[in-house]
């Protein structure tokens, strides 16, 4: 059974990102907190992929109930690459 993720602050994660990634590659998980609140999780791919189908279903269910904005797009794709 996996242990609870270690907690790191966003500033600490920013300063030590390479080190955190090495630890994640070894199986460690982290919860990143900003202003005392959890905002992200760093988990090994094999752990994160187990939640993908549920996350995808939740997203699709939410999008099905969310109306489109109806706003016309004022930009062209090529505008993004100027």
C-alpha atoms as a PDB file:
ATOM      1  CA  UNK A   1       0.000   0.000   0.000  1.00  0.00           C
ATOM      2  CA  UNK A   2       1.376   3.419  -0.964  1.00  0.00           C
ATOM      3  CA  UNK A   3       1.990   6.005   1.706  1.00  0.00           C
ATOM      4  CA  UNK A   4       0.356   9.419   1.700  1.00  0.00           C
ATOM      5  CA  UNK A   5       2.027  11.958  -0.587  1.00  0.00           C
ATOM      6  CA  UNK A   6       4.595  14.241   1.018  1.00  0.00           C
ATOM      7  CA  UNK A   7       3.588  17.912   1.133  1.00  0.00           C
ATOM      8  CA  UNK A   8       5.800  20.593  -0.452  1.00  0.00           C
ATOM      9  CA  UNK A   9       5.150  24.292  -0.889  1.00  0.00           C
ATOM     10  CA  UNK A  10       4.905  25.751  -4.376  1.00  0.00           C
ATOM     11  CA  UNK A  11       8.053  27.800  -3.811  1.00  0.00           C
ATOM     12  CA  UNK A  12       9.958  24.717  -2.623  1.00  0.00           C
ATOM     13  CA  UNK A  13       8.697  22.742  -5.632  1.00  0.00           C
ATOM     14  CA  UNK A  14       9.875  25.544  -7.897  1.00  0.00           C
ATOM     15  CA  UNK A  15      13.358  25.569  -6.346  1.00  0.00           C
ATOM     16  CA  UNK A  16      13.792  21.790  -6.240  1.00  0.00           C
ATOM     17  CA  UNK A  17      11.787  20.589  -9.235  1.00  0.00           C
ATOM     18  CA  UNK A  18      14.548  18.396 -10.689  1.00  0.00           C
ATOM     19  CA  UNK A  19      15.053  16.704  -7.343  1.00  0.00           C
ATOM     20  CA  UNK A  20      11.312  16.157  -6.939  1.00  0.00           C
ATOM     21  CA  UNK A  21      11.127  14.564 -10.389  1.00  0.00           C
ATOM     22  CA  UNK A  22      13.946  12.163  -9.506  1.00  0.00           C
ATOM     23  CA  UNK A  23      12.050  11.164  -6.361  1.00  0.00           C
ATOM     24  CA  UNK A  24       8.802  10.765  -8.312  1.00  0.00           C
ATOM     25  CA  UNK A  25      10.621   8.490 -10.770  1.00  0.00           C
ATOM     26  CA  UNK A  26      11.508   6.303  -7.766  1.00  0.00           C
ATOM     27  CA  UNK A  27       7.858   6.055  -6.715  1.00  0.00           C
ATOM     28  CA  UNK A  28       7.431   8.978  -4.276  1.00  0.00           C
ATOM     29  CA  UNK A  29       4.359  11.227  -4.594  1.00  0.00           C
ATOM     30  CA  UNK A  30       4.027  14.870  -3.582  1.00  0.00           C
ATOM     31  CA  UNK A  31       1.147  17.268  -2.997  1.00  0.00           C
ATOM     32  CA  UNK A  32       2.063  20.863  -3.812  1.00  0.00           C
ATOM     33  CA  UNK A  33       0.503  23.522  -1.579  1.00  0.00           C
ATOM     34  CA  UNK A  34       0.186  27.229  -2.362  1.00  0.00           C
ATOM     35  CA  UNK A  35      -0.870  29.561   0.436  1.00  0.00           C
ATOM     36  CA  UNK A  36      -1.645  26.520   2.571  1.00  0.00           C
ATOM     37  CA  UNK A  37      -3.990  24.897   0.060  1.00  0.00           C
ATOM     38  CA  UNK A  38      -3.309  21.874  -2.168  1.00  0.00           C
ATOM     39  CA  UNK A  39      -3.039  22.892  -5.822  1.00  0.00           C
ATOM     40  CA  UNK A  40      -1.246  20.016  -7.599  1.00  0.00           C
ATOM     41  CA  UNK A  41      -0.005  16.477  -7.259  1.00  0.00           C
ATOM     42  CA  UNK A  42       3.221  14.996  -8.570  1.00  0.00           C
ATOM     43  CA  UNK A  43       2.832  11.244  -8.911  1.00  0.00           C
ATOM     44  CA  UNK A  44       4.583   8.530 -10.881  1.00  0.00           C
ATOM     45  CA  UNK A  45       2.972   7.908 -14.271  1.00  0.00           C
ATOM     46  CA  UNK A  46       1.778   4.417 -13.386  1.00  0.00           C
ATOM     47  CA  UNK A  47      -0.141   5.772 -10.368  1.00  0.00           C
ATOM     48  CA  UNK A  48      -1.546   8.773 -12.239  1.00  0.00           C
ATOM     49  CA  UNK A  49      -2.697   6.713 -15.209  1.00  0.00           C
ATOM     50  CA  UNK A  50      -4.946   4.607 -12.966  1.00  0.00           C
ATOM     51  CA  UNK A  51      -7.107   7.664 -12.307  1.00  0.00           C
ATOM     52  CA  UNK A  52      -7.224   8.801 -15.947  1.00  0.00           C
ATOM     53  CA  UNK A  53     -10.455   7.016 -16.954  1.00  0.00           C
ATOM     54  CA  UNK A  54     -12.334   8.402 -13.953  1.00  0.00           C
ATOM     55  CA  UNK A  55     -10.947  11.895 -14.503  1.00  0.00           C
ATOM     56  CA  UNK A  56     -11.849  11.729 -18.195  1.00  0.00           C
ATOM     57  CA  UNK A  57     -15.411  10.603 -17.412  1.00  0.00           C
ATOM     58  CA  UNK A  58     -15.806  13.410 -14.856  1.00  0.00           C
ATOM     59  CA  UNK A  59     -14.573  15.981 -17.356  1.00  0.00           C
ATOM     60  CA  UNK A  60     -16.852  14.738 -20.125  1.00  0.00           C
ATOM     61  CA  UNK A  61     -19.840  14.726 -17.770  1.00  0.00           C
ATOM     62  CA  UNK A  62     -19.103  18.321 -16.723  1.00  0.00           C
ATOM     63  CA  UNK A  63     -18.612  19.476 -20.315  1.00  0.00           C
ATOM     64  CA  UNK A  64     -21.903  17.875 -21.354  1.00  0.00           C
ATOM     65  CA  UNK A  65     -23.763  20.131 -18.910  1.00  0.00           C
ATOM     66  CA  UNK A  66     -21.737  23.278 -19.586  1.00  0.00           C
ATOM     67  CA  UNK A  67     -23.121  25.540 -22.331  1.00  0.00           C
ATOM     68  CA  UNK A  68     -20.791  26.874 -25.012  1.00  0.00           C
ATOM     69  CA  UNK A  69     -19.829  30.506 -24.550  1.00  0.00           C
ATOM     70  CA  UNK A  70     -21.318  31.498 -27.892  1.00  0.00           C
ATOM     71  CA  UNK A  71     -18.621  34.121 -28.363  1.00  0.00           C
ATOM     72  CA  UNK A  72     -17.111  34.492 -31.809  1.00  0.00           C
ATOM     73  CA  UNK A  73     -13.401  33.884 -32.000  1.00  0.00           C
ATOM     74  CA  UNK A  74     -11.630  37.148 -32.843  1.00  0.00           C
ATOM     75  CA  UNK A  75      -8.284  35.576 -33.679  1.00  0.00           C
ATOM     76  CA  UNK A  76      -6.907  33.268 -36.318  1.00  0.00           C
ATOM     77  CA  UNK A  77      -4.627  30.324 -35.661  1.00  0.00           C
ATOM     78  CA  UNK A  78      -1.752  32.064 -37.474  1.00  0.00           C
ATOM     79  CA  UNK A  79      -2.026  34.989 -35.006  1.00  0.00           C
ATOM     80  CA  UNK A  80      -0.658  32.698 -32.327  1.00  0.00           C
ATOM     81  CA  UNK A  81       2.636  32.271 -34.176  1.00  0.00           C
ATOM     82  CA  UNK A  82       3.619  35.861 -35.023  1.00  0.00           C
END
